[in-house]
Structures are given as C-alpha cells and as structure tokens.
Amino acid sequence: MEGRAIYVTVRWQQRIIGIINVYAPNLPAMRTLFWRQLADGLPIADAWILAGDFNMTLHTEDKVGGTHTMVQGSM
C-alpha cells in the first residue's frame, strides 16, 4: 500500500536494524491487508523498531466522533 510505510535498515554492531514508520488504514479489512503486505514485503533484519499511526483504539471514547463524556475513573 504505497505511501503508508517508510523504512530504513542500518548496520549497527554486526546487526541489521530496521526502523519503520507506518500509517495504517482505518478500515479493519484494509488494515488486515496492510499488515499482511507489510510483513511479506519487508527485508530480513535482526530487529525492527516500529513507530507510527496504527489507527487502532481500545475504547470508543478514544475515537474522534466517539462519546464526548468522561467516565469517572477512566483515566
């Protein structure tokens, strides 16, 4: 999915380290496809550092357009 991930690999102390920044799709089906394509397309590295916008929320209140009320003890 072009434009949704960028990565670099660097050699550091005899190891190859990958650093990747992602902008995952918001729709669950597209997000699943994105992660599969990403896992299949990345080069082999000893370790990866993953950062970015994963477009996943734990609670509805965390989403834009979710509830606007605070539940006591939710923070």
C-alpha atoms as a PDB file:
ATOM      1  CA  MET A   1       0.000   0.000   0.000  1.00  0.00           C
ATOM      2  CA  GLU A   2       2.051   2.842  -1.343  1.00  0.00           C
ATOM      3  CA  GLY A   3       2.514   5.850   0.911  1.00  0.00           C
ATOM      4  CA  ARG A   4       1.575   4.025   4.110  1.00  0.00           C
ATOM      5  CA  ALA A   5       5.001   2.887   5.279  1.00  0.00           C
ATOM      6  CA  ILE A   6       8.579   4.011   5.003  1.00  0.00           C
ATOM      7  CA  TYR A   7      11.574   2.173   6.356  1.00  0.00           C
ATOM      8  CA  VAL A   8      15.345   2.158   6.505  1.00  0.00           C
ATOM      9  CA  THR A   9      17.775  -0.538   7.534  1.00  0.00           C
ATOM     10  CA  VAL A  10      21.110   0.185   9.132  1.00  0.00           C
ATOM     11  CA  ARG A  11      24.049  -1.992  10.079  1.00  0.00           C
ATOM     12  CA  TRP A  12      24.976  -1.486  13.722  1.00  0.00           C
ATOM     13  CA  GLN A  13      27.462  -3.608  15.659  1.00  0.00           C
ATOM     14  CA  GLN A  14      27.298  -6.563  13.239  1.00  0.00           C
ATOM     15  CA  ARG A  15      23.487  -6.476  13.193  1.00  0.00           C
ATOM     16  CA  ILE A  16      20.930  -5.158  10.754  1.00  0.00           C
ATOM     17  CA  ILE A  17      18.333  -2.962  12.438  1.00  0.00           C
ATOM     18  CA  GLY A  18      15.198  -1.855  10.607  1.00  0.00           C
ATOM     19  CA  ILE A  19      13.267   1.282  11.506  1.00  0.00           C
ATOM     20  CA  ILE A  20       9.793   1.619  10.044  1.00  0.00           C
ATOM     21  CA  ASN A  21       7.113   4.294  10.324  1.00  0.00           C
ATOM     22  CA  VAL A  22       3.576   3.304   9.326  1.00  0.00           C
ATOM     23  CA  TYR A  23       0.258   4.990   8.714  1.00  0.00           C
ATOM     24  CA  ALA A  24      -2.174   2.080   8.885  1.00  0.00           C
ATOM     25  CA  PRO A  25      -5.593   2.213   7.186  1.00  0.00           C
ATOM     26  CA  ASN A  26      -8.590   2.915   9.404  1.00  0.00           C
ATOM     27  CA  LEU A  27     -10.914   0.242   7.989  1.00  0.00           C
ATOM     28  CA  PRO A  28     -10.360  -3.200   9.581  1.00  0.00           C
ATOM     29  CA  ALA A  29     -10.279  -5.157   6.290  1.00  0.00           C
ATOM     30  CA  MET A  30      -7.795  -2.722   4.735  1.00  0.00           C
ATOM     31  CA  ARG A  31      -5.729  -2.700   7.927  1.00  0.00           C
ATOM     32  CA  THR A  32      -5.504  -6.519   7.862  1.00  0.00           C
ATOM     33  CA  LEU A  33      -4.370  -6.465   4.226  1.00  0.00           C
ATOM     34  CA  PHE A  34      -1.851  -3.719   5.024  1.00  0.00           C
ATOM     35  CA  TRP A  35      -0.198  -5.695   7.848  1.00  0.00           C
ATOM     36  CA  ARG A  36      -0.019  -8.833   5.690  1.00  0.00           C
ATOM     37  CA  GLN A  37       1.549  -6.970   2.769  1.00  0.00           C
ATOM     38  CA  LEU A  38       3.950  -5.220   5.108  1.00  0.00           C
ATOM     39  CA  ALA A  39       5.079  -8.446   6.791  1.00  0.00           C
ATOM     40  CA  ASP A  40       5.601 -10.141   3.425  1.00  0.00           C
ATOM     41  CA  GLY A  41       7.463  -7.218   1.871  1.00  0.00           C
ATOM     42  CA  LEU A  42       9.985  -6.162   4.488  1.00  0.00           C
ATOM     43  CA  PRO A  43      13.619  -7.218   4.184  1.00  0.00           C
ATOM     44  CA  ILE A  44      15.136  -9.554   6.745  1.00  0.00           C
ATOM     45  CA  ALA A  45      16.583  -7.747   9.763  1.00  0.00           C
ATOM     46  CA  ASP A  46      17.823  -8.809  13.181  1.00  0.00           C
ATOM     47  CA  ALA A  47      15.391  -6.416  14.847  1.00  0.00           C
ATOM     48  CA  TRP A  48      12.751  -3.863  13.861  1.00  0.00           C
ATOM     49  CA  ILE A  49      11.739  -0.618  15.532  1.00  0.00           C
ATOM     50  CA  LEU A  50       8.111   0.126  14.689  1.00  0.00           C
ATOM     51  CA  ALA A  51       6.514   3.562  15.020  1.00  0.00           C
ATOM     52  CA  GLY A  52       3.602   5.394  13.518  1.00  0.00           C
ATOM     53  CA  ASP A  53      -0.146   5.853  13.447  1.00  0.00           C
ATOM     54  CA  PHE A  54      -1.783   2.456  13.812  1.00  0.00           C
ATOM     55  CA  ASN A  55      -5.389   3.695  13.638  1.00  0.00           C
ATOM     56  CA  MET A  56      -6.482   1.354  16.384  1.00  0.00           C
ATOM     57  CA  THR A  57      -8.296   2.290  19.562  1.00  0.00           C
ATOM     58  CA  LEU A  58      -9.012   0.369  22.720  1.00  0.00           C
ATOM     59  CA  HIS A  59     -12.197   2.250  23.632  1.00  0.00           C
ATOM     60  CA  THR A  60     -14.886   4.006  21.583  1.00  0.00           C
ATOM     61  CA  GLU A  61     -14.228   7.142  23.655  1.00  0.00           C
ATOM     62  CA  ASP A  62     -10.719   7.269  22.183  1.00  0.00           C
ATOM     63  CA  LYS A  63     -12.011   7.724  18.629  1.00  0.00           C
ATOM     64  CA  VAL A  64     -12.826  11.033  17.010  1.00  0.00           C
ATOM     65  CA  GLY A  65     -16.608  11.082  16.961  1.00  0.00           C
ATOM     66  CA  GLY A  66     -16.789   8.760  19.971  1.00  0.00           C
ATOM     67  CA  THR A  67     -18.597   9.736  23.131  1.00  0.00           C
ATOM     68  CA  HIS A  68     -17.824  13.201  24.467  1.00  0.00           C
ATOM     69  CA  THR A  69     -18.481  12.341  28.097  1.00  0.00           C
ATOM     70  CA  MET A  70     -15.823  11.364  30.588  1.00  0.00           C
ATOM     71  CA  VAL A  71     -16.487   8.313  32.697  1.00  0.00           C
ATOM     72  CA  GLN A  72     -15.166   8.757  36.205  1.00  0.00           C
ATOM     73  CA  GLY A  73     -12.085   6.616  36.772  1.00  0.00           C
ATOM     74  CA  SER A  74     -11.459   6.072  33.052  1.00  0.00           C
ATOM     75  CA  MET A  75      -8.149   7.948  33.034  1.00  0.00           C
END
